[in-house]
């Protein structure tokens, strides 16, 4: 027997006893929450939309096209690391049924990096708009109040150390010095002289201090800037003098260009300039930008800013960007997205004050859409009814929509996104949000069945 087999292909070959045991497992899986979530994801439709196919030629993969997507949902649902997810997959028959595979206990899966490889493969083919249309089509019959649109934005932070100018400069200096030494060793030439030893000792002494004076910080930053400039010059000269003798990867050249850009930005900030655009805060995640949120405990966040809409408690991504943007100008897009997904005209909007611009008020008035915005101008004849409607819309948005952000971050691995590049981070956020939706949908479907009975 093969180590991993598709359940549908091996059922006809099982003996009666084994088949009955597997059938009992399938019954218990279908009645569990995990089984109900599985039934709410059209895995085959999403796989076809992605262009994933199970090739009849060559070596069979561990997971089918639908199984790869199911594995990503399972990771968001469990919140486990890649290594622990594979360990639980080997020993949990419900996890295997969810992914559509059956693992031989005597030959468990040991390569936990397969999760990362699948995540990277799916990230290259992710089309959020198309996939959300498929999910909305599948979930729409169980949703209510399709005419009410709730909109708000949040930031799903990346898993990275808190960025400071000193840390960024030190990481750049340390990386450049290490590669400069390695290149000189390969070429058999003497390493160029610089102040690496003095500056590294000064940075170590500074990092050990509990109380750090601003004057010492500025002095150390000047020394790091001077050393980084010298290292960039020496690296450029070494590459020019020994052109063709050194082989560097595309990742090396990409990181070197990021360091050059970060050096220019830090030099401008050191000189007192404030309006530095596209500021780099991490060498590894060069696409991450500071997002000013204005919160009392966390005024700046570092990660993807997402503008969400919510229909009957179910969230959909309207816009996702690692650059800061004003969500208040995207109310029209939110309304258009909901009408496209739900195929119902929006007649009520719940959003906070940042959306309450004059342009948005005028648009909603022209379209006959009631809003939760604070009234401007003279009171209408039915002002009491409008006040009650505004109050109800504001309460629903504050409890359900803003509450969903906390649920995503606390229970679906979105508090600190641990993906390693831009595309996989977007995929991570996408599956985290829609796995949370599926859990809510499972309760809605269950309640609908109880009412029907």
Protein backbone atom coordinates (compact mmCIF):
# COMPACT_ATOMS: atom_id res chain seq x y z
CA UNK A 1 0.00 0.00 0.00
CA UNK A 2 1.25 3.49 -0.78
CA UNK A 3 2.16 5.77 2.10
CA UNK A 4 -0.64 8.25 1.35
CA UNK A 5 -3.70 7.49 -0.75
CA UNK A 6 -6.83 9.29 -1.81
CA UNK A 7 -9.74 7.98 0.27
CA UNK A 8 -12.13 7.77 -2.69
CA UNK A 9 -9.70 5.53 -4.59
CA UNK A 10 -9.07 2.98 -1.84
CA UNK A 11 -12.61 2.47 -0.49
CA UNK A 12 -13.56 -0.21 -3.07
CA UNK A 13 -10.43 -2.23 -2.17
CA UNK A 14 -10.95 -2.29 1.60
CA UNK A 15 -12.27 -5.37 3.38
CA UNK A 16 -15.63 -5.28 5.08
CA UNK A 17 -14.24 -4.68 8.59
CA UNK A 18 -11.87 -1.92 7.51
CA UNK A 19 -14.53 -0.32 5.36
CA UNK A 20 -17.05 -0.26 8.24
CA UNK A 21 -14.48 1.39 10.55
CA UNK A 22 -13.67 4.03 7.95
CA UNK A 23 -17.39 4.58 7.34
CA UNK A 24 -17.93 5.17 11.07
CA UNK A 25 -15.08 7.67 11.10
CA UNK A 26 -16.65 9.49 8.15
CA UNK A 27 -20.01 9.68 9.95
CA UNK A 28 -18.39 11.13 13.07
CA UNK A 29 -16.42 13.57 10.90
CA UNK A 30 -19.54 14.81 9.10
CA UNK A 31 -21.30 15.48 12.41
CA UNK A 32 -18.31 17.37 13.87
CA UNK A 33 -17.63 21.09 13.50
CA UNK A 34 -14.67 20.30 11.26
CA UNK A 35 -16.92 18.28 8.96
CA UNK A 36 -19.51 21.07 8.80
CA UNK A 37 -16.77 23.56 7.89
CA UNK A 38 -15.56 21.18 5.16
CA UNK A 39 -19.03 21.10 3.63
CA UNK A 40 -19.13 24.91 3.49
CA UNK A 41 -16.01 25.27 1.33
CA UNK A 42 -16.39 24.53 -2.40
CA UNK A 43 -12.82 23.21 -2.59
CA UNK A 44 -13.19 21.74 -6.07
CA UNK A 45 -14.55 24.99 -7.55
CA UNK A 46 -11.75 27.03 -5.99
CA UNK A 47 -9.14 24.53 -7.22
CA UNK A 48 -10.48 24.74 -10.77
CA UNK A 49 -10.48 28.54 -10.60
CA UNK A 50 -6.86 28.44 -9.43
CA UNK A 51 -5.92 26.17 -12.30
CA UNK A 52 -4.79 23.36 -9.98
CA UNK A 53 -4.97 19.93 -11.56
CA UNK A 54 -4.18 16.37 -10.48
CA UNK A 55 -1.87 15.23 -13.25
CA UNK A 56 -2.22 11.55 -14.21
CA UNK A 57 1.45 11.48 -15.20
CA UNK A 58 4.50 11.33 -12.96
CA UNK A 59 4.73 10.75 -9.25
CA UNK A 60 1.51 11.31 -7.32
CA UNK A 61 1.50 14.24 -4.90
CA UNK A 62 0.63 13.87 -1.25
CA UNK A 63 -2.38 16.17 -1.59
CA UNK A 64 -4.93 16.57 -4.36
CA UNK A 65 -5.73 20.03 -5.76
CA UNK A 66 -8.70 20.38 -3.39
CA UNK A 67 -6.64 18.87 -0.55
CA UNK A 68 -4.04 21.64 -0.82
CA UNK A 69 -6.70 24.29 -0.27
CA UNK A 70 -8.20 22.26 2.57
CA UNK A 71 -4.77 22.09 4.22
CA UNK A 72 -4.55 25.91 4.26
CA UNK A 73 -8.03 26.12 5.83
CA UNK A 74 -7.01 23.50 8.40
CA UNK A 75 -3.91 25.50 9.34
CA UNK A 76 -5.98 28.65 9.91
CA UNK A 77 -8.58 26.68 11.89
CA UNK A 78 -6.07 24.97 14.21
CA UNK A 79 -3.53 27.81 14.50
CA UNK A 80 -0.71 25.24 14.55
CA UNK A 81 2.78 25.72 13.17
CA UNK A 82 3.72 23.84 10.00
CA UNK A 83 5.63 21.19 11.96
CA UNK A 84 2.86 20.61 14.51
CA UNK A 85 0.19 20.60 11.79
CA UNK A 86 1.91 17.69 10.03
CA UNK A 87 2.34 15.85 13.35
CA UNK A 88 -1.38 16.19 14.11
CA UNK A 89 -2.27 15.27 10.53
CA UNK A 90 -0.39 11.97 10.90
CA UNK A 91 -2.34 10.99 14.02
CA UNK A 92 -5.78 12.58 13.55
CA UNK A 93 -8.16 10.75 11.20
CA UNK A 94 -10.53 13.74 11.09
CA UNK A 95 -7.71 15.98 9.84
CA UNK A 96 -6.94 13.40 7.15
CA UNK A 97 -10.59 13.20 6.09
CA UNK A 98 -10.70 16.99 5.92
CA UNK A 99 -7.77 16.96 3.45
CA UNK A 100 -9.11 13.92 1.56
CA UNK A 101 -6.13 11.63 2.28
CA UNK A 102 -5.38 8.53 4.32
CA UNK A 103 -1.89 8.20 5.85
CA UNK A 104 -0.35 4.82 6.62
CA UNK A 105 0.56 4.94 10.37
CA UNK A 106 3.75 3.00 9.66
CA UNK A 107 4.86 5.61 7.09
CA UNK A 108 3.89 9.05 8.48
CA UNK A 109 4.63 12.30 6.66
CA UNK A 110 7.92 13.69 7.98
CA UNK A 111 8.54 16.63 5.65
CA UNK A 112 6.73 19.48 7.37
CA UNK A 113 8.07 21.93 4.77
CA UNK A 114 5.41 20.61 2.39
CA UNK A 115 2.98 23.05 4.07
CA UNK A 116 5.21 25.99 3.18
CA UNK A 117 5.63 24.71 -0.39
CA UNK A 118 1.84 24.42 -0.85
CA UNK A 119 1.34 27.88 0.66
CA UNK A 120 3.82 29.34 -1.82
CA UNK A 121 2.16 27.52 -4.74
CA UNK A 122 -1.32 28.77 -3.84
CA UNK A 123 -0.07 32.31 -3.15
CA UNK A 124 1.13 32.60 -6.74
CA UNK A 125 -2.39 31.79 -8.01
CA UNK A 126 -4.55 33.62 -5.49
CA UNK A 127 -7.33 35.75 -6.99
CA UNK A 128 -9.25 37.20 -4.05
CA UNK A 129 -12.12 38.71 -6.04
CA UNK A 130 -12.85 35.50 -7.96
CA UNK A 131 -12.61 33.28 -4.88
CA UNK A 132 -14.81 35.56 -2.78
CA UNK A 133 -17.46 35.40 -5.52
CA UNK A 134 -17.38 31.59 -5.31
CA UNK A 135 -17.69 31.65 -1.51
CA UNK A 136 -20.48 34.25 -1.59
CA UNK A 137 -22.41 32.14 -4.12
CA UNK A 138 -22.07 29.13 -1.83
CA UNK A 139 -23.02 30.95 1.38
CA UNK A 140 -25.67 33.41 0.15
CA UNK A 141 -28.73 31.13 0.71
CA UNK A 142 -27.99 31.04 4.46
CA UNK A 143 -27.44 34.80 4.94
CA UNK A 144 -29.98 37.38 6.05
CA UNK A 145 -30.12 41.19 5.85
CA UNK A 146 -28.29 41.21 2.52
CA UNK A 147 -29.23 44.88 2.06
CA UNK A 148 -27.14 46.09 5.05
CA UNK A 149 -23.47 46.88 4.42
CA UNK A 150 -21.02 47.37 7.30
CA UNK A 151 -17.52 48.66 6.53
CA UNK A 152 -14.37 49.20 8.56
CA UNK A 153 -10.59 48.78 8.26
CA UNK A 154 -7.97 47.13 10.45
CA UNK A 155 -4.29 46.23 10.32
CA UNK A 156 -3.11 42.60 10.42
CA UNK A 157 0.43 43.01 11.70
CA UNK A 158 3.43 41.12 10.36
CA UNK A 159 5.53 39.03 12.74
CA UNK A 160 8.65 41.20 13.04
CA UNK A 161 10.67 42.95 15.70
CA UNK A 162 9.64 46.50 16.51
CA UNK A 163 11.56 48.58 13.96
CA UNK A 164 13.91 51.40 14.92
CA UNK A 165 16.51 53.23 12.86
CA UNK A 166 19.38 51.81 14.91
CA UNK A 167 18.21 48.22 14.52
CA UNK A 168 17.72 48.66 10.79
CA UNK A 169 21.17 50.16 10.34
CA UNK A 170 22.82 47.48 12.47
CA UNK A 171 21.16 44.67 10.52
CA UNK A 172 22.34 46.24 7.27
CA UNK A 173 25.90 46.72 8.53
CA UNK A 174 26.13 43.20 9.94
CA UNK A 175 24.85 41.60 6.74
CA UNK A 176 27.12 43.64 4.47
CA UNK A 177 30.21 42.99 6.61
CA UNK A 178 29.56 39.25 6.70
CA UNK A 179 29.19 39.00 2.91
CA UNK A 180 32.16 41.29 2.30
CA UNK A 181 34.36 38.99 4.40
CA UNK A 182 33.02 35.93 2.58
CA UNK A 183 33.67 37.47 -0.87
CA UNK A 184 37.22 38.42 0.11
CA UNK A 185 37.86 34.88 1.34
CA UNK A 186 36.59 33.39 -1.95
CA UNK A 187 38.71 35.79 -4.03
CA UNK A 188 41.77 35.38 -1.82
CA UNK A 189 42.21 39.13 -1.31
CA UNK A 190 42.72 41.19 1.80
CA UNK A 191 39.60 42.54 3.46
CA UNK A 192 39.30 46.34 3.18
CA UNK A 193 39.82 48.28 6.39
CA UNK A 194 36.89 49.92 8.14
CA UNK A 195 35.56 50.70 11.63
CA UNK A 196 33.60 47.46 12.01
CA UNK A 197 35.29 46.40 15.27
CA UNK A 198 34.86 49.75 17.03
CA UNK A 199 31.26 50.27 15.93
CA UNK A 200 30.20 46.70 16.79
CA UNK A 201 31.59 47.06 20.32
CA UNK A 202 29.87 50.43 20.71
CA UNK A 203 26.53 48.98 19.53
CA UNK A 204 26.85 46.02 21.92
CA UNK A 205 27.58 48.35 24.85
CA UNK A 206 24.65 50.57 23.89
CA UNK A 207 22.20 47.66 23.56
CA UNK A 208 23.10 46.44 27.08
CA UNK A 209 22.17 49.73 28.73
CA UNK A 210 18.75 49.97 30.32
CA UNK A 211 18.68 53.77 30.15
CA UNK A 212 19.74 55.21 26.83
CA UNK A 213 20.40 58.90 26.37
CA UNK A 214 19.24 60.58 23.16
CA UNK A 215 22.71 62.07 22.64
CA UNK A 216 24.38 58.64 22.74
CA UNK A 217 21.73 57.23 20.41
CA UNK A 218 22.32 59.99 17.87
CA UNK A 219 26.09 59.59 18.09
CA UNK A 220 25.83 55.82 17.53
CA UNK A 221 23.46 56.35 14.62
CA UNK A 222 25.98 58.69 12.99
CA UNK A 223 28.70 56.05 13.35
CA UNK A 224 26.46 53.36 11.88
CA UNK A 225 25.57 55.58 8.93
CA UNK A 226 29.24 56.30 8.24
CA UNK A 227 30.16 52.61 8.50
CA UNK A 228 27.27 51.55 6.26
CA UNK A 229 28.30 54.11 3.64
CA UNK A 230 31.87 52.79 3.76
CA UNK A 231 30.73 49.17 3.45
CA UNK A 232 28.49 49.98 0.48
CA UNK A 233 31.41 51.71 -1.22
CA UNK A 234 33.81 48.82 -0.51
CA UNK A 235 31.28 46.24 -1.71
CA UNK A 236 30.74 48.18 -4.94
CA UNK A 237 34.48 48.48 -5.56
CA UNK A 238 34.99 44.77 -4.90
CA UNK A 239 32.26 43.83 -7.37
CA UNK A 240 33.66 46.22 -10.00
CA UNK A 241 37.29 45.06 -9.61
CA UNK A 242 36.42 41.36 -9.72
CA UNK A 243 33.50 41.39 -12.12
CA UNK A 244 32.52 37.90 -13.25
CA UNK A 245 34.49 36.15 -10.48
CA UNK A 246 31.74 36.31 -7.89
CA UNK A 247 28.40 34.53 -8.19
CA UNK A 248 25.57 36.01 -6.18
CA UNK A 249 21.92 35.00 -6.09
CA UNK A 250 19.02 37.25 -7.06
CA UNK A 251 18.07 37.38 -3.37
CA UNK A 252 21.52 38.85 -2.59
CA UNK A 253 21.14 41.61 -5.17
CA UNK A 254 17.57 42.33 -4.06
CA UNK A 255 18.65 42.68 -0.44
CA UNK A 256 21.62 44.85 -1.42
CA UNK A 257 19.31 47.24 -3.29
CA UNK A 258 16.98 47.35 -0.26
CA UNK A 259 19.92 48.23 2.01
CA UNK A 260 20.98 51.03 -0.34
CA UNK A 261 17.46 52.47 -0.29
CA UNK A 262 17.22 52.12 3.50
CA UNK A 263 20.59 53.91 3.88
CA UNK A 264 19.36 56.89 1.85
CA UNK A 265 16.15 57.07 3.87
CA UNK A 266 17.93 56.86 7.23
CA UNK A 267 20.37 59.54 6.15
CA UNK A 268 17.46 61.85 5.28
CA UNK A 269 15.78 61.14 8.63
CA UNK A 270 19.05 61.80 10.47
CA UNK A 271 19.29 65.17 8.71
CA UNK A 272 15.84 66.09 10.07
CA UNK A 273 13.62 65.40 7.06
CA UNK A 274 10.14 64.11 8.01
CA UNK A 275 8.39 63.44 4.70
CA UNK A 276 10.28 60.27 3.69
CA UNK A 277 8.05 58.26 1.34
CA UNK A 278 7.90 54.43 1.17
CA UNK A 279 9.93 54.13 4.34
CA UNK A 280 11.60 50.75 4.79
CA UNK A 281 11.27 49.30 8.30
CA UNK A 282 12.60 45.78 7.71
CA UNK A 283 15.30 44.36 5.42
CA UNK A 284 13.55 40.97 5.18
CA UNK A 285 10.06 42.41 4.70
CA UNK A 286 10.90 45.42 2.59
CA UNK A 287 7.26 45.71 1.43
CA UNK A 288 5.96 46.50 4.94
CA UNK A 289 5.24 50.16 5.69
CA UNK A 290 4.34 51.95 8.93
CA UNK A 291 0.54 52.29 9.22
CA UNK A 292 -0.45 55.19 11.49
CA UNK A 293 -3.64 54.09 13.26
CA UNK A 294 -3.78 56.68 16.05
CA UNK A 295 -4.60 54.16 18.81
CA UNK A 296 -3.73 55.12 22.36
CA UNK A 297 -1.70 51.99 23.11
CA UNK A 298 -0.32 51.42 19.59
CA UNK A 299 -0.19 54.56 17.43
CA UNK A 300 1.72 52.84 14.59
CA UNK A 301 1.30 49.28 13.28
CA UNK A 302 3.39 47.36 10.76
CA UNK A 303 1.58 45.02 8.40
CA UNK A 304 -1.23 44.81 5.87
CA UNK A 305 -4.10 47.27 6.13
CA UNK A 306 -7.39 45.66 5.11
CA UNK A 307 -10.71 47.34 4.38
CA UNK A 308 -13.48 44.83 5.13
CA UNK A 309 -17.20 44.70 4.51
CA UNK A 310 -19.51 42.51 6.55
CA UNK A 311 -22.84 40.94 5.61
CA UNK A 312 -24.81 39.25 8.40
CA UNK A 313 -21.58 38.68 10.34
CA UNK A 314 -19.64 37.32 7.35
CA UNK A 315 -16.59 39.39 6.32
CA UNK A 316 -15.19 39.96 2.84
CA UNK A 317 -11.99 41.75 1.84
CA UNK A 318 -12.67 44.91 -0.15
CA UNK A 319 -9.10 46.24 -0.33
CA UNK A 320 -5.76 45.00 1.02
CA UNK A 321 -2.52 46.96 0.87
CA UNK A 322 0.78 47.17 2.74
CA UNK A 323 0.82 50.91 2.01
CA UNK A 324 -1.26 53.27 4.11
CA UNK A 325 -4.53 54.35 2.50
CA UNK A 326 -7.61 56.30 3.53
CA UNK A 327 -10.46 53.82 3.85
CA UNK A 328 -12.96 56.71 4.01
CA UNK A 329 -12.79 57.26 0.24
CA UNK A 330 -13.63 53.60 -0.50
CA UNK A 331 -17.26 53.54 0.63
CA UNK A 332 -18.56 53.40 -2.96
CA UNK A 333 -16.31 50.41 -3.66
CA UNK A 334 -17.60 48.70 -0.50
CA UNK A 335 -21.22 49.14 -1.58
CA UNK A 336 -20.48 47.98 -5.13
CA UNK A 337 -18.64 44.89 -3.85
CA UNK A 338 -21.52 43.85 -1.60
CA UNK A 339 -24.08 44.32 -4.38
CA UNK A 340 -21.92 42.23 -6.72
CA UNK A 341 -21.44 39.44 -4.17
CA UNK A 342 -24.96 39.36 -2.70
CA UNK A 343 -26.90 40.37 -5.85
CA UNK A 344 -29.05 42.65 -3.72
CA UNK A 345 -29.29 46.44 -3.65
CA UNK A 346 -27.74 47.98 -0.52
CA UNK A 347 -30.23 50.18 1.35
CA UNK A 348 -28.37 50.73 4.66
CA UNK A 349 -24.71 51.38 5.50
CA UNK A 350 -22.98 51.21 8.89
CA UNK A 351 -19.54 52.81 9.07
CA UNK A 352 -17.56 55.01 11.45
CA UNK A 353 -16.96 58.74 11.14
CA UNK A 354 -13.97 58.48 8.77
CA UNK A 355 -16.39 57.38 6.02
CA UNK A 356 -18.75 60.32 6.67
CA UNK A 357 -17.32 62.70 4.07
CA UNK A 358 -19.57 65.06 2.13
CA UNK A 359 -18.98 63.05 -1.06
CA UNK A 360 -20.09 59.81 0.63
CA UNK A 361 -23.12 61.49 2.20
CA UNK A 362 -24.17 62.85 -1.18
CA UNK A 363 -23.68 59.46 -2.85
CA UNK A 364 -25.79 57.65 -0.23
CA UNK A 365 -28.53 60.29 -0.45
CA UNK A 366 -28.71 59.99 -4.24
CA UNK A 367 -28.91 56.19 -4.01
CA UNK A 368 -31.51 56.24 -1.21
CA UNK A 369 -29.15 54.54 1.28
CA UNK A 370 -29.66 55.08 5.00
CA UNK A 371 -26.43 55.53 7.00
CA UNK A 372 -25.19 55.49 10.58
CA UNK A 373 -23.51 58.89 10.12
CA UNK A 374 -24.29 61.69 12.55
CA UNK A 375 -26.96 63.95 11.04
CA UNK A 376 -25.97 67.28 9.48
CA UNK A 377 -28.41 70.08 8.75
CA UNK A 378 -32.04 70.43 9.69
CA UNK A 379 -34.00 67.55 11.17
CA UNK A 380 -36.45 65.71 8.95
CA UNK A 381 -40.07 64.95 9.84
CA UNK A 382 -39.26 61.33 10.63
CA UNK A 383 -36.13 62.23 12.60
CA UNK A 384 -36.99 59.93 15.51
CA UNK A 385 -37.16 56.87 13.24
CA UNK A 386 -33.91 57.87 11.55
CA UNK A 387 -32.22 58.29 14.93
CA UNK A 388 -33.29 54.80 15.99
CA UNK A 389 -31.99 53.36 12.69
CA UNK A 390 -28.63 55.17 13.06
CA UNK A 391 -28.29 53.92 16.61
CA UNK A 392 -29.04 50.33 15.62
CA UNK A 393 -26.62 50.40 12.68
CA UNK A 394 -23.84 51.90 14.85
CA UNK A 395 -24.38 49.29 17.56
CA UNK A 396 -24.27 46.40 15.09
CA UNK A 397 -21.08 47.70 13.47
CA UNK A 398 -19.34 48.32 16.78
CA UNK A 399 -20.18 44.87 18.17
CA UNK A 400 -20.17 42.52 15.19
CA UNK A 401 -17.69 44.05 12.73
CA UNK A 402 -15.11 45.37 15.18
CA UNK A 403 -15.56 42.23 17.28
CA UNK A 404 -14.74 40.08 14.25
CA UNK A 405 -11.32 41.75 13.98
CA UNK A 406 -10.45 40.57 17.48
CA UNK A 407 -11.72 37.08 16.66
CA UNK A 408 -9.54 36.89 13.54
CA UNK A 409 -6.45 37.96 15.46
CA UNK A 410 -6.95 35.89 18.60
CA UNK A 411 -8.21 32.60 17.15
CA UNK A 412 -7.09 32.41 13.50
CA UNK A 413 -3.35 33.27 13.62
CA UNK A 414 -3.79 36.87 12.40
CA UNK A 415 -2.44 38.67 15.48
CA UNK A 416 1.07 38.38 14.01
CA UNK A 417 1.20 36.98 10.48
CA UNK A 418 4.23 34.67 10.27
CA UNK A 419 4.44 34.36 6.49
CA UNK A 420 7.82 35.14 4.93
CA UNK A 421 6.95 37.16 1.83
CA UNK A 422 4.27 39.47 0.46
CA UNK A 423 2.19 36.92 -1.49
CA UNK A 424 2.09 34.26 1.22
CA UNK A 425 1.18 36.92 3.80
CA UNK A 426 -1.83 37.92 1.69
CA UNK A 427 -2.81 34.24 1.36
CA UNK A 428 -2.44 33.80 5.13
CA UNK A 429 -4.82 36.72 5.79
CA UNK A 430 -7.30 35.55 3.16
CA UNK A 431 -7.66 32.03 4.60
CA UNK A 432 -7.70 33.31 8.19
CA UNK A 433 -10.67 35.60 7.51
CA UNK A 434 -12.67 33.07 5.50
CA UNK A 435 -11.99 30.20 7.91
CA UNK A 436 -13.52 32.40 10.61
CA UNK A 437 -16.45 32.99 8.25
CA UNK A 438 -16.89 29.24 7.74
CA UNK A 439 -17.13 28.65 11.50
CA UNK A 440 -19.91 31.24 11.71
CA UNK A 441 -21.60 29.78 8.64
CA UNK A 442 -21.57 26.31 10.24
CA UNK A 443 -23.64 27.70 13.12
CA UNK A 444 -26.03 29.44 10.72
CA UNK A 445 -26.57 26.26 8.70
CA UNK A 446 -27.06 24.22 11.87
CA UNK A 447 -29.66 26.68 13.22
CA UNK A 448 -31.43 26.73 9.84
CA UNK A 449 -31.68 22.92 9.87
CA UNK A 450 -33.01 22.92 13.44
CA UNK A 451 -35.69 25.46 12.51
CA UNK A 452 -36.64 23.47 9.41
CA UNK A 453 -37.01 20.31 11.51
